[in-house]
């Protein structure tokens, strides 16, 4: 069963297309359950900057067709013009780069790994992610950890939230006498609030549909919480607005923002929208006293500051290639393990039977030490007999065709073809699940 990735991102699709594919969790579960009919597995990564389907299936052509049809149904026929597709090792490399934040709008940002892990857990909960994708994503998470540990890409990176605050500081020259309103107290809102605090904003206001969350964040950053219903009033007070909510419709329109212009005496208003779908309608930017930016605008601003991360990104890219090769090599060896396991089981059965026959023939004349020596000799013969085929399978590494050829030949020669393949050991499944959850039990 091979891996395929089909999706779109900020690199291939405009925001107008991406926001049509921004799905709530119940919708994501529905998509997964439609696609992941056993033995096919599926996982959907849905963030503000990408929507990707990862699928393993014995019938890749059909799986790819169904994935494209699903994305087209959700986002409209235009979606098909913006899709990319990766197969096999190419899909692995793409996933590893995504998890390691090398394909992010802001290279090196930490948020994407958490988002991919959330997608993985959602897929598991929906029953769409099982053994195959569990191993793939466990390897992706390990790769991301190695990139964070062995390069400085995370230390030199900015986040979308920090880039938004940096742009605000650039527009106003400084923020010390400004009032900033953060709309939304989720992960992105929390980051924006913390960066505004670090930028020494004069006054920081947090609002959220759930007031308790706004109060908790305000207490953490030294801001003030206000009820969500006060948005029109807050627009009158604000110099800068940073919003990131899960609202399916725009919170700020040309009409409701324009309505407060006179009360503000048309004082400049800076607005940054980090949400997909957008919280700020595109036509708000038509108001001549409003400076409105969306995530694609932030990408352009970030691009100007990417030079410092280019060297670390190059190092991280090399690590990704190494990790993909390691996964392919380990998989090739694992593919041969069932045959070796059956061969070892057969050899151990024969050795045990012959040892018991020898001990019975010798009778009671042997000491306990001599009996153990004969048993040890039987085990040693099995180990030496299987050493060469095991080493040979490991030596072919990621050469899947050669690995399968050798495993098949061994099964045929030793009469193992008709025997059932044992299921993966519980320890292997547990190890994969532990790695996928970041080492947590």
Protein backbone atom coordinates (compact mmCIF):
# COMPACT_ATOMS: atom_id res chain seq x y z
CA UNK A 1 0.00 0.00 0.00
CA UNK A 2 1.61 3.22 -1.22
CA UNK A 3 1.16 6.79 0.01
CA UNK A 4 -0.38 9.60 -2.01
CA UNK A 5 -0.82 13.28 -1.13
CA UNK A 6 -3.31 15.51 -2.97
CA UNK A 7 -3.99 19.08 -1.90
CA UNK A 8 -3.38 22.78 -2.28
CA UNK A 9 -1.63 25.46 -0.26
CA UNK A 10 -0.71 29.12 -0.20
CA UNK A 11 1.87 28.28 -2.86
CA UNK A 12 -0.68 27.07 -5.41
CA UNK A 13 -4.07 28.56 -4.52
CA UNK A 14 -5.33 32.07 -3.74
CA UNK A 15 -7.09 32.80 -0.47
CA UNK A 16 -10.49 32.85 -2.17
CA UNK A 17 -10.05 29.16 -3.01
CA UNK A 18 -8.44 28.13 0.28
CA UNK A 19 -11.16 29.61 2.46
CA UNK A 20 -13.82 27.52 0.68
CA UNK A 21 -11.97 24.42 1.90
CA UNK A 22 -11.60 25.57 5.51
CA UNK A 23 -13.66 22.84 7.19
CA UNK A 24 -14.90 22.55 10.75
CA UNK A 25 -13.92 19.32 12.55
CA UNK A 26 -17.29 17.57 12.02
CA UNK A 27 -16.97 18.19 8.27
CA UNK A 28 -13.40 16.88 8.29
CA UNK A 29 -14.57 13.68 9.99
CA UNK A 30 -17.27 13.22 7.35
CA UNK A 31 -14.68 13.55 4.57
CA UNK A 32 -12.38 11.01 6.24
CA UNK A 33 -15.16 8.51 6.79
CA UNK A 34 -16.16 8.71 3.13
CA UNK A 35 -12.59 8.15 1.93
CA UNK A 36 -11.19 5.72 4.51
CA UNK A 37 -13.06 2.53 3.69
CA UNK A 38 -10.82 -0.37 4.81
CA UNK A 39 -8.18 -1.21 3.78
CA UNK A 40 -7.80 2.40 2.58
CA UNK A 41 -6.63 4.91 5.19
CA UNK A 42 -6.94 8.70 4.95
CA UNK A 43 -5.83 11.78 6.87
CA UNK A 44 -6.84 15.40 6.21
CA UNK A 45 -4.51 18.26 7.12
CA UNK A 46 -6.58 21.45 7.18
CA UNK A 47 -4.94 24.73 8.22
CA UNK A 48 -5.34 28.37 7.18
CA UNK A 49 -2.66 27.91 4.52
CA UNK A 50 -3.17 24.35 3.25
CA UNK A 51 -5.69 21.56 2.77
CA UNK A 52 -4.12 18.17 2.02
CA UNK A 53 -5.37 14.61 1.87
CA UNK A 54 -2.90 11.81 2.65
CA UNK A 55 -4.15 8.39 1.56
CA UNK A 56 -2.75 4.86 1.56
CA UNK A 57 -4.58 2.31 -0.56
CA UNK A 58 -3.97 -0.87 -2.57
CA UNK A 59 -5.72 0.93 -5.45
CA UNK A 60 -3.97 4.29 -5.65
CA UNK A 61 -5.57 5.35 -8.92
CA UNK A 62 -9.07 5.01 -7.50
CA UNK A 63 -8.05 6.61 -4.19
CA UNK A 64 -6.58 9.61 -6.03
CA UNK A 65 -9.73 10.01 -8.13
CA UNK A 66 -11.95 9.94 -5.04
CA UNK A 67 -9.71 12.47 -3.25
CA UNK A 68 -9.84 14.88 -6.19
CA UNK A 69 -13.62 14.48 -6.45
CA UNK A 70 -13.99 15.18 -2.73
CA UNK A 71 -11.91 18.37 -2.88
CA UNK A 72 -13.76 19.52 -5.99
CA UNK A 73 -17.12 18.89 -4.33
CA UNK A 74 -16.11 20.94 -1.30
CA UNK A 75 -14.33 23.80 -3.03
CA UNK A 76 -15.92 23.83 -6.47
CA UNK A 77 -14.52 22.77 -9.88
CA UNK A 78 -11.98 25.64 -9.78
CA UNK A 79 -10.21 23.77 -6.97
CA UNK A 80 -8.88 21.20 -9.44
CA UNK A 81 -6.79 23.90 -11.17
CA UNK A 82 -4.78 24.48 -7.99
CA UNK A 83 -4.13 20.91 -6.78
CA UNK A 84 -0.73 19.26 -6.52
CA UNK A 85 -0.15 15.54 -6.23
CA UNK A 86 2.74 13.56 -4.73
CA UNK A 87 3.23 9.78 -4.76
CA UNK A 88 5.40 7.36 -2.79
CA UNK A 89 8.71 8.83 -1.67
CA UNK A 90 7.65 12.21 -3.06
CA UNK A 91 4.59 12.21 -0.80
CA UNK A 92 6.76 11.25 2.17
CA UNK A 93 9.21 14.05 1.48
CA UNK A 94 6.39 16.57 1.13
CA UNK A 95 4.81 15.46 4.43
CA UNK A 96 8.14 15.58 6.25
CA UNK A 97 8.74 19.11 4.91
CA UNK A 98 5.26 20.21 5.98
CA UNK A 99 5.67 18.81 9.50
CA UNK A 100 9.13 20.39 9.76
CA UNK A 101 7.71 23.79 8.70
CA UNK A 102 9.79 23.97 5.52
CA UNK A 103 6.70 24.38 3.34
CA UNK A 104 5.01 26.94 5.59
CA UNK A 105 4.14 30.50 4.68
CA UNK A 106 6.55 31.46 7.46
CA UNK A 107 9.42 28.96 7.25
CA UNK A 108 10.29 27.58 10.66
CA UNK A 109 7.06 28.52 12.47
CA UNK A 110 6.21 26.14 15.29
CA UNK A 111 2.42 26.12 14.87
CA UNK A 112 2.25 23.79 11.85
CA UNK A 113 3.58 20.72 13.71
CA UNK A 114 0.87 21.12 16.34
CA UNK A 115 -1.75 21.46 13.60
CA UNK A 116 -0.57 18.29 11.85
CA UNK A 117 -0.62 16.39 15.16
CA UNK A 118 -4.19 17.59 15.78
CA UNK A 119 -5.15 16.35 12.30
CA UNK A 120 -3.52 13.00 13.07
CA UNK A 121 -5.46 12.64 16.33
CA UNK A 122 -8.70 13.58 14.58
CA UNK A 123 -8.03 10.95 11.91
CA UNK A 124 -7.36 8.31 14.55
CA UNK A 125 -10.53 9.24 16.40
CA UNK A 126 -12.52 8.90 13.18
CA UNK A 127 -11.06 5.45 12.55
CA UNK A 128 -9.50 6.67 9.30
CA UNK A 129 -5.86 6.41 10.45
CA UNK A 130 -4.65 2.94 11.29
CA UNK A 131 -1.34 1.01 11.04
CA UNK A 132 0.05 2.32 7.75
CA UNK A 133 -0.53 6.05 8.26
CA UNK A 134 0.37 5.75 11.94
CA UNK A 135 3.89 4.66 10.98
CA UNK A 136 4.15 7.35 8.27
CA UNK A 137 3.13 10.20 10.57
CA UNK A 138 5.19 8.91 13.50
CA UNK A 139 8.22 9.17 11.18
CA UNK A 140 7.15 12.68 10.10
CA UNK A 141 6.92 13.84 13.72
CA UNK A 142 10.36 12.35 14.46
CA UNK A 143 11.77 14.17 11.43
CA UNK A 144 10.27 17.48 12.60
CA UNK A 145 11.78 16.98 16.05
CA UNK A 146 15.19 16.30 14.53
CA UNK A 147 14.95 19.45 12.38
CA UNK A 148 14.10 21.52 15.48
CA UNK A 149 16.92 19.95 17.46
CA UNK A 150 19.71 19.99 14.87
CA UNK A 151 19.06 23.32 13.11
CA UNK A 152 18.34 26.87 14.24
CA UNK A 153 15.39 27.24 11.90
CA UNK A 154 12.91 27.63 14.76
CA UNK A 155 15.04 30.17 16.60
CA UNK A 156 15.36 32.43 13.58
CA UNK A 157 11.74 32.13 12.46
CA UNK A 158 8.77 34.40 12.91
CA UNK A 159 5.15 33.36 13.13
CA UNK A 160 2.22 34.78 11.22
CA UNK A 161 1.19 36.56 14.42
CA UNK A 162 4.62 38.08 15.01
CA UNK A 163 4.81 39.16 11.37
CA UNK A 164 1.43 40.89 11.74
CA UNK A 165 2.63 42.79 14.81
CA UNK A 166 5.92 43.68 13.11
CA UNK A 167 3.95 45.11 10.18
CA UNK A 168 1.80 47.16 12.57
CA UNK A 169 4.92 48.55 14.24
CA UNK A 170 6.31 49.42 10.83
CA UNK A 171 3.11 51.22 9.78
CA UNK A 172 2.81 53.25 13.00
CA UNK A 173 6.55 53.62 13.64
CA UNK A 174 5.92 52.50 17.24
CA UNK A 175 2.99 51.12 19.24
CA UNK A 176 3.59 52.63 22.66
CA UNK A 177 0.72 55.13 22.34
CA UNK A 178 -1.63 52.86 20.38
CA UNK A 179 -4.66 50.76 21.32
CA UNK A 180 -4.67 47.24 19.89
CA UNK A 181 -7.69 44.93 19.84
CA UNK A 182 -7.19 41.18 19.45
CA UNK A 183 -10.36 39.46 18.23
CA UNK A 184 -10.24 35.74 19.04
CA UNK A 185 -8.51 34.02 21.96
CA UNK A 186 -7.39 30.85 20.19
CA UNK A 187 -3.79 29.86 19.47
CA UNK A 188 -3.19 32.58 16.86
CA UNK A 189 -4.94 35.22 18.96
CA UNK A 190 -2.84 34.25 21.96
CA UNK A 191 0.37 34.58 19.93
CA UNK A 192 -0.70 37.95 18.58
CA UNK A 193 -1.50 39.22 22.08
CA UNK A 194 1.88 38.09 23.40
CA UNK A 195 3.75 39.73 20.52
CA UNK A 196 1.80 42.97 20.99
CA UNK A 197 2.75 42.93 24.66
CA UNK A 198 6.42 42.39 23.72
CA UNK A 199 6.12 45.31 21.28
CA UNK A 200 5.05 47.47 24.27
CA UNK A 201 1.66 48.39 22.84
CA UNK A 202 0.07 51.17 24.87
CA UNK A 203 -3.28 49.45 25.50
CA UNK A 204 -4.23 45.86 24.76
CA UNK A 205 -7.85 44.68 24.56
CA UNK A 206 -8.91 41.03 24.08
CA UNK A 207 -12.38 40.02 22.93
CA UNK A 208 -13.77 36.56 22.21
CA UNK A 209 -17.18 34.95 21.82
CA UNK A 210 -16.53 33.16 25.11
CA UNK A 211 -15.70 35.97 27.52
CA UNK A 212 -13.99 33.62 30.01
CA UNK A 213 -11.31 32.77 27.42
CA UNK A 214 -10.75 36.45 26.71
CA UNK A 215 -10.41 37.13 30.44
CA UNK A 216 -7.90 34.30 30.87
CA UNK A 217 -5.73 35.57 28.01
CA UNK A 218 -6.03 39.19 29.14
CA UNK A 219 -4.85 38.20 32.62
CA UNK A 220 -1.87 36.37 31.11
CA UNK A 221 -0.70 39.28 28.93
CA UNK A 222 -1.73 42.18 31.13
CA UNK A 223 -4.56 43.30 28.87
CA UNK A 224 -8.27 44.04 29.28
CA UNK A 225 -11.08 41.65 28.32
CA UNK A 226 -14.23 43.01 26.70
CA UNK A 227 -17.46 41.26 25.63
CA UNK A 228 -17.71 40.22 22.00
CA UNK A 229 -20.90 42.22 21.61
CA UNK A 230 -18.86 45.41 22.04
CA UNK A 231 -17.05 45.01 18.70
CA UNK A 232 -18.59 48.20 17.21
CA UNK A 233 -17.45 50.19 20.24
CA UNK A 234 -13.99 48.62 20.12
CA UNK A 235 -13.66 49.67 16.48
CA UNK A 236 -14.04 53.27 17.60
CA UNK A 237 -11.27 52.89 20.18
CA UNK A 238 -8.76 50.81 18.25
CA UNK A 239 -5.71 51.88 16.30
CA UNK A 240 -4.90 48.28 15.35
CA UNK A 241 -7.10 45.20 15.10
CA UNK A 242 -5.71 41.66 14.79
CA UNK A 243 -8.37 39.02 14.26
CA UNK A 244 -8.31 35.24 14.07
CA UNK A 245 -11.63 33.55 14.75
CA UNK A 246 -13.43 30.50 13.42
CA UNK A 247 -16.38 32.55 12.17
CA UNK A 248 -17.80 31.16 8.90
CA UNK A 249 -18.74 34.70 7.79
CA UNK A 250 -16.88 38.02 7.84
CA UNK A 251 -17.11 39.89 11.16
CA UNK A 252 -15.98 43.17 9.62
CA UNK A 253 -17.62 44.50 6.47
CA UNK A 254 -17.30 47.75 4.58
CA UNK A 255 -20.65 48.78 6.07
CA UNK A 256 -20.00 48.12 9.76
CA UNK A 257 -16.41 49.40 9.67
CA UNK A 258 -17.37 52.43 7.61
CA UNK A 259 -20.12 53.25 10.09
CA UNK A 260 -17.57 54.14 12.82
CA UNK A 261 -15.42 56.37 10.59
CA UNK A 262 -17.05 59.63 11.61
CA UNK A 263 -16.89 58.78 15.34
CA UNK A 264 -13.17 58.06 14.92
CA UNK A 265 -12.74 61.29 12.97
CA UNK A 266 -11.43 58.98 10.25
CA UNK A 267 -8.30 58.27 12.30
CA UNK A 268 -6.16 55.60 10.52
CA UNK A 269 -7.15 52.03 11.41
CA UNK A 270 -4.73 49.12 10.87
CA UNK A 271 -6.44 45.72 10.50
CA UNK A 272 -4.79 42.31 10.06
CA UNK A 273 -6.85 39.21 9.34
CA UNK A 274 -5.13 35.90 10.22
CA UNK A 275 -8.27 33.81 9.77
CA UNK A 276 -9.35 31.49 6.96
CA UNK A 277 -12.20 31.97 6.08
CA UNK A 278 -11.57 35.70 6.42
CA UNK A 279 -12.87 37.75 9.33
CA UNK A 280 -12.44 40.96 7.32
CA UNK A 281 -14.34 41.30 4.03
CA UNK A 282 -12.07 42.24 1.09
CA UNK A 283 -13.96 45.48 0.37
CA UNK A 284 -13.05 46.92 3.81
CA UNK A 285 -9.72 47.89 2.20
CA UNK A 286 -11.64 50.30 -0.04
CA UNK A 287 -12.12 52.66 2.92
CA UNK A 288 -9.33 55.20 2.48
CA UNK A 289 -8.65 55.52 6.23
CA UNK A 290 -8.36 51.71 6.74
CA UNK A 291 -5.24 49.64 6.09
CA UNK A 292 -6.48 46.04 5.83
CA UNK A 293 -4.24 43.00 5.34
CA UNK A 294 -5.01 39.29 4.99
CA UNK A 295 -2.78 36.21 5.27
CA UNK A 296 -1.56 36.51 1.68
CA UNK A 297 -0.49 40.11 2.33
CA UNK A 298 1.41 38.92 5.40
CA UNK A 299 3.15 36.32 3.24
CA UNK A 300 4.55 39.08 1.04
CA UNK A 301 5.81 40.93 4.11
CA UNK A 302 7.39 37.75 5.48
CA UNK A 303 9.11 37.02 2.15
CA UNK A 304 11.20 40.15 2.61
CA UNK A 305 12.64 38.69 5.84
CA UNK A 306 13.35 35.12 4.74
CA UNK A 307 17.02 35.51 3.81
CA UNK A 308 18.15 34.95 7.38
CA UNK A 309 16.41 31.57 7.46
CA UNK A 310 17.53 30.34 4.05
CA UNK A 311 20.73 28.66 5.29
CA UNK A 312 18.97 26.86 8.15
CA UNK A 313 16.18 25.79 5.78
CA UNK A 314 18.80 24.25 3.49
CA UNK A 315 20.26 22.26 6.39
CA UNK A 316 16.78 21.15 7.38
CA UNK A 317 16.07 20.03 3.81
CA UNK A 318 19.08 17.69 3.95
CA UNK A 319 17.78 16.18 7.20
CA UNK A 320 14.39 15.61 5.60
CA UNK A 321 15.98 13.67 2.72
CA UNK A 322 17.93 11.58 5.25
CA UNK A 323 14.76 10.82 7.22
CA UNK A 324 12.81 9.87 4.10
CA UNK A 325 15.61 7.49 3.09
CA UNK A 326 15.67 6.01 6.58
CA UNK A 327 11.90 5.43 6.53
CA UNK A 328 12.04 3.80 3.10
CA UNK A 329 14.94 1.58 4.19
CA UNK A 330 13.20 0.55 7.40
CA UNK A 331 10.00 -0.18 5.51
CA UNK A 332 11.82 -2.37 3.03
CA UNK A 333 13.31 -4.34 5.91
CA UNK A 334 9.93 -4.48 7.66
CA UNK A 335 8.30 -5.81 4.47
CA UNK A 336 10.70 -8.75 4.66
CA UNK A 337 10.18 -9.36 8.37
CA UNK A 338 7.04 -11.55 8.08
CA UNK A 339 8.93 -14.05 5.91
CA UNK A 340 11.92 -14.01 8.25
CA UNK A 341 9.62 -14.36 11.26
CA UNK A 342 7.96 -17.41 9.71
CA UNK A 343 11.34 -18.86 8.73
CA UNK A 344 12.69 -18.33 12.26
CA UNK A 345 9.57 -19.88 13.75
CA UNK A 346 9.94 -22.91 11.48
CA UNK A 347 13.67 -23.26 12.29
CA UNK A 348 13.10 -22.93 16.03
CA UNK A 349 10.37 -25.56 15.93
CA UNK A 350 12.69 -27.99 14.11
CA UNK A 351 15.60 -27.22 16.48
CA UNK A 352 13.43 -27.69 19.54
CA UNK A 353 12.07 -31.01 18.27
CA UNK A 354 15.57 -32.30 17.47
CA UNK A 355 16.95 -31.20 20.84
CA UNK A 356 14.10 -32.94 22.67
CA UNK A 357 14.68 -36.08 20.56
CA UNK A 358 18.42 -36.04 21.35
CA UNK A 359 17.84 -35.52 25.10
CA UNK A 360 15.31 -38.37 25.14
CA UNK A 361 17.74 -40.70 23.32
CA UNK A 362 20.64 -39.91 25.68
CA UNK A 363 18.48 -40.54 28.71
CA UNK A 364 19.06 -39.38 32.27
CA UNK A 365 22.83 -39.54 32.12
CA UNK A 366 23.31 -35.80 31.35
CA UNK A 367 23.82 -33.13 33.95
CA UNK A 368 21.64 -29.99 33.93
CA UNK A 369 24.58 -27.99 32.55
CA UNK A 370 25.02 -30.47 29.66
CA UNK A 371 21.31 -30.30 28.83
CA UNK A 372 21.46 -26.50 28.69
CA UNK A 373 24.51 -26.69 26.42
CA UNK A 374 22.61 -28.85 23.92
CA UNK A 375 19.64 -26.44 23.99
CA UNK A 376 22.00 -23.49 23.47
CA UNK A 377 23.62 -25.27 20.53
CA UNK A 378 20.19 -25.63 18.88
CA UNK A 379 19.51 -21.90 19.28
CA UNK A 380 22.99 -21.02 17.98
CA UNK A 381 22.46 -23.08 14.83
CA UNK A 382 19.17 -21.24 14.15
CA UNK A 383 20.77 -17.83 14.68
CA UNK A 384 23.74 -18.58 12.43
CA UNK A 385 21.52 -20.07 9.75
CA UNK A 386 19.31 -16.93 9.64
CA UNK A 387 22.08 -14.37 10.01
CA UNK A 388 22.91 -14.17 6.31
CA UNK A 389 19.33 -13.78 4.94
CA UNK A 390 18.59 -11.16 7.60
CA UNK A 391 21.77 -9.23 6.77
CA UNK A 392 21.02 -9.48 3.04
CA UNK A 393 17.53 -8.03 3.45
CA UNK A 394 18.92 -5.17 5.52
CA UNK A 395 21.65 -4.54 2.97
CA UNK A 396 19.21 -3.93 0.10
CA UNK A 397 17.71 -1.15 2.22
CA UNK A 398 15.19 0.98 0.33
CA UNK A 399 15.44 -1.12 -2.87
CA UNK A 400 11.88 -2.33 -2.43
CA UNK A 401 11.78 -4.48 -5.56
CA UNK A 402 14.95 -6.37 -4.59
CA UNK A 403 13.74 -6.73 -0.98
CA UNK A 404 10.43 -8.20 -2.12
CA UNK A 405 12.23 -10.52 -4.58
CA UNK A 406 14.48 -11.94 -1.87
CA UNK A 407 11.63 -12.29 0.65
CA UNK A 408 9.49 -14.05 -1.96
CA UNK A 409 12.29 -16.41 -2.93
CA UNK A 410 12.88 -17.35 0.73
CA UNK A 411 9.18 -18.03 1.23
CA UNK A 412 9.07 -20.23 -1.88
CA UNK A 413 12.26 -22.18 -1.11
CA UNK A 414 11.31 -22.96 2.49
CA UNK A 415 7.65 -23.71 1.77
CA UNK A 416 6.29 -20.68 3.62
CA UNK A 417 4.09 -19.28 0.85
CA UNK A 418 0.78 -20.63 2.14
CA UNK A 419 1.41 -19.70 5.76
CA UNK A 420 -0.36 -16.71 7.24
CA UNK A 421 1.61 -13.56 7.98
CA UNK A 422 1.65 -12.74 11.69
CA UNK A 423 0.23 -9.37 12.73
CA UNK A 424 2.70 -6.69 13.85
CA UNK A 425 3.76 -7.14 17.44
CA UNK A 426 1.94 -5.10 20.06
CA UNK A 427 5.25 -3.51 20.97
CA UNK A 428 5.69 -2.18 17.40
CA UNK A 429 2.16 -0.71 17.34
CA UNK A 430 2.67 0.82 20.77
CA UNK A 431 6.02 2.32 19.74
CA UNK A 432 4.48 3.89 16.64
CA UNK A 433 1.64 5.39 18.65
CA UNK A 434 4.07 6.72 21.26
CA UNK A 435 6.27 8.34 18.61
CA UNK A 436 3.21 9.89 16.92
CA UNK A 437 2.11 11.50 20.18
CA UNK A 438 5.52 13.04 20.75
CA UNK A 439 6.67 10.41 23.25
CA UNK A 440 3.66 10.87 25.59
CA UNK A 441 1.82 7.89 27.04
